[in-house]
Amino acid sequence: MNMGTPELLILLVIVILLFGVGRISKISGELGKSIRAFRDNLGGKDESSSAKNEEDSESEKPS
């Protein structure tokens, strides 16, 4: 089953009508957090090492 642009737009409109814009944005935010946590856990990183890496990269940026 090939889905082109018109079919995807119709599907998007149906999803928006069913869930509403506010709920979709909340779900997408939670999905992003879940994906980020999954990637961190997959790499064997914990929150402290992730924060340390971010601090290191910020300190290396030229002023």
N, C-alpha and C. Protein backbone atom coordinates (compact mmCIF):
# COMPACT_ATOMS: atom_id res chain seq x y z
N MET A 1 0.84 -1.18 0.00
CA MET A 1 0.00 0.00 0.00
C MET A 1 0.89 1.24 0.00
N ASN A 2 0.87 1.99 -1.07
CA ASN A 2 1.66 3.21 -1.17
C ASN A 2 0.85 4.38 -0.64
N MET A 3 1.49 5.16 0.22
CA MET A 3 0.82 6.35 0.77
C MET A 3 1.52 7.58 0.23
N GLY A 4 0.81 8.38 -0.49
CA GLY A 4 1.35 9.62 -1.03
C GLY A 4 1.00 10.79 -0.13
N THR A 5 1.30 11.96 -0.60
CA THR A 5 1.05 13.18 0.16
C THR A 5 -0.43 13.39 0.49
N PRO A 6 -1.35 13.21 -0.45
CA PRO A 6 -2.77 13.42 -0.10
C PRO A 6 -3.25 12.47 0.99
N GLU A 7 -2.83 11.23 0.95
CA GLU A 7 -3.24 10.27 1.96
C GLU A 7 -2.68 10.63 3.33
N LEU A 8 -1.42 11.07 3.36
CA LEU A 8 -0.80 11.46 4.63
C LEU A 8 -1.48 12.69 5.22
N LEU A 9 -1.86 13.63 4.38
CA LEU A 9 -2.57 14.82 4.85
C LEU A 9 -3.93 14.46 5.43
N ILE A 10 -4.64 13.58 4.77
CA ILE A 10 -5.95 13.14 5.28
C ILE A 10 -5.78 12.43 6.61
N LEU A 11 -4.78 11.59 6.72
CA LEU A 11 -4.50 10.90 7.98
C LEU A 11 -4.16 11.90 9.09
N LEU A 12 -3.37 12.90 8.78
CA LEU A 12 -3.02 13.93 9.76
C LEU A 12 -4.25 14.68 10.25
N VAL A 13 -5.15 15.03 9.34
CA VAL A 13 -6.38 15.73 9.72
C VAL A 13 -7.23 14.86 10.63
N ILE A 14 -7.33 13.59 10.33
CA ILE A 14 -8.12 12.67 11.17
C ILE A 14 -7.53 12.57 12.56
N VAL A 15 -6.20 12.45 12.64
CA VAL A 15 -5.54 12.35 13.95
C VAL A 15 -5.75 13.63 14.75
N ILE A 16 -5.65 14.77 14.11
CA ILE A 16 -5.86 16.04 14.81
C ILE A 16 -7.30 16.14 15.31
N LEU A 17 -8.25 15.71 14.50
CA LEU A 17 -9.65 15.75 14.92
C LEU A 17 -9.91 14.81 16.10
N LEU A 18 -9.27 13.66 16.12
CA LEU A 18 -9.48 12.70 17.19
C LEU A 18 -8.83 13.13 18.50
N PHE A 19 -7.60 13.58 18.44
CA PHE A 19 -6.84 13.87 19.66
C PHE A 19 -6.79 15.34 20.03
N GLY A 20 -6.87 16.24 19.09
CA GLY A 20 -6.72 17.65 19.37
C GLY A 20 -5.26 18.07 19.34
N VAL A 21 -5.03 19.34 19.04
CA VAL A 21 -3.67 19.84 18.88
C VAL A 21 -2.90 19.80 20.20
N GLY A 22 -3.54 20.16 21.30
CA GLY A 22 -2.86 20.19 22.59
C GLY A 22 -2.37 18.83 23.03
N ARG A 23 -3.20 17.84 22.84
CA ARG A 23 -2.81 16.50 23.27
C ARG A 23 -1.71 15.93 22.37
N ILE A 24 -1.76 16.26 21.08
CA ILE A 24 -0.71 15.78 20.16
C ILE A 24 0.64 16.37 20.54
N SER A 25 0.67 17.66 20.89
CA SER A 25 1.95 18.27 21.28
C SER A 25 2.48 17.67 22.58
N LYS A 26 1.57 17.34 23.50
CA LYS A 26 2.00 16.70 24.75
C LYS A 26 2.56 15.31 24.48
N ILE A 27 1.88 14.57 23.62
CA ILE A 27 2.34 13.21 23.29
C ILE A 27 3.70 13.26 22.58
N SER A 28 3.86 14.21 21.66
CA SER A 28 5.14 14.29 20.94
C SER A 28 6.27 14.69 21.87
N GLY A 29 6.00 15.55 22.84
CA GLY A 29 7.02 15.90 23.82
C GLY A 29 7.44 14.72 24.67
N GLU A 30 6.46 13.93 25.10
CA GLU A 30 6.76 12.75 25.89
C GLU A 30 7.50 11.71 25.06
N LEU A 31 7.15 11.60 23.79
CA LEU A 31 7.84 10.67 22.90
C LEU A 31 9.30 11.07 22.74
N GLY A 32 9.55 12.37 22.59
CA GLY A 32 10.93 12.85 22.48
C GLY A 32 11.75 12.55 23.72
N LYS A 33 11.15 12.74 24.89
CA LYS A 33 11.85 12.44 26.14
C LYS A 33 12.15 10.95 26.24
N SER A 34 11.19 10.13 25.82
CA SER A 34 11.38 8.68 25.87
C SER A 34 12.50 8.23 24.94
N ILE A 35 12.53 8.79 23.74
CA ILE A 35 13.58 8.43 22.78
C ILE A 35 14.94 8.85 23.31
N ARG A 36 15.02 10.04 23.89
CA ARG A 36 16.28 10.53 24.44
C ARG A 36 16.75 9.62 25.58
N ALA A 37 15.84 9.22 26.46
CA ALA A 37 16.20 8.33 27.57
C ALA A 37 16.64 6.97 27.04
N PHE A 38 15.97 6.48 26.01
CA PHE A 38 16.34 5.20 25.42
C PHE A 38 17.74 5.25 24.84
N ARG A 39 18.05 6.32 24.12
CA ARG A 39 19.39 6.46 23.54
C ARG A 39 20.46 6.54 24.62
N ASP A 40 20.16 7.28 25.69
CA ASP A 40 21.13 7.38 26.78
C ASP A 40 21.37 6.03 27.43
N ASN A 41 20.31 5.27 27.65
CA ASN A 41 20.45 3.96 28.28
C ASN A 41 21.08 2.95 27.33
N LEU A 42 20.84 3.08 26.06
CA LEU A 42 21.42 2.18 25.08
C LEU A 42 22.93 2.34 25.03
N GLY A 43 23.39 3.56 25.15
CA GLY A 43 24.82 3.83 25.12
C GLY A 43 25.50 3.57 26.44
N GLY A 44 24.75 3.21 27.47
CA GLY A 44 25.33 2.93 28.78
C GLY A 44 25.66 4.20 29.55
N LYS A 45 25.09 5.31 29.15
CA LYS A 45 25.35 6.57 29.83
C LYS A 45 24.33 6.75 30.95
N ASP A 46 24.77 7.39 32.02
CA ASP A 46 23.82 7.79 33.04
C ASP A 46 23.69 9.31 32.98
N GLU A 47 22.78 9.85 33.76
CA GLU A 47 22.50 11.28 33.66
C GLU A 47 23.71 12.13 34.03
N SER A 48 24.51 11.69 35.00
CA SER A 48 25.65 12.50 35.42
C SER A 48 26.71 12.58 34.33
N SER A 49 26.94 11.50 33.60
CA SER A 49 27.93 11.55 32.54
C SER A 49 27.43 12.36 31.35
N SER A 50 26.12 12.34 31.10
CA SER A 50 25.56 13.15 30.03
C SER A 50 25.70 14.64 30.36
N ALA A 51 25.43 14.99 31.61
CA ALA A 51 25.56 16.38 32.02
C ALA A 51 27.02 16.81 31.95
N LYS A 52 27.94 15.93 32.33
CA LYS A 52 29.36 16.25 32.29
C LYS A 52 29.82 16.48 30.85
N ASN A 53 29.35 15.64 29.92
CA ASN A 53 29.71 15.81 28.52
C ASN A 53 29.19 17.13 27.97
N GLU A 54 27.99 17.53 28.37
CA GLU A 54 27.45 18.80 27.91
C GLU A 54 28.27 19.97 28.44
N GLU A 55 28.69 19.88 29.72
CA GLU A 55 29.51 20.94 30.31
C GLU A 55 30.86 21.02 29.61
N ASP A 56 31.45 19.87 29.29
CA ASP A 56 32.74 19.85 28.61
C ASP A 56 32.64 20.47 27.22
N SER A 57 31.57 20.17 26.50
CA SER A 57 31.43 20.71 25.15
C SER A 57 31.18 22.21 25.20
N GLU A 58 30.49 22.70 26.24
CA GLU A 58 30.27 24.14 26.37
C GLU A 58 31.55 24.86 26.70
N SER A 59 32.42 24.26 27.51
CA SER A 59 33.66 24.91 27.89
C SER A 59 34.65 24.94 26.74
N GLU A 60 34.51 24.04 25.76
CA GLU A 60 35.42 24.01 24.62
C GLU A 60 35.04 25.00 23.53
N LYS A 61 33.83 25.56 23.59
CA LYS A 61 33.40 26.51 22.57
C LYS A 61 34.20 27.80 22.68
N PRO A 62 34.64 28.33 21.54
CA PRO A 62 35.38 29.60 21.59
C PRO A 62 34.45 30.76 21.92
N SER A 63 34.98 31.77 22.59
CA SER A 63 34.17 32.93 22.98
C SER A 63 34.00 33.91 21.86
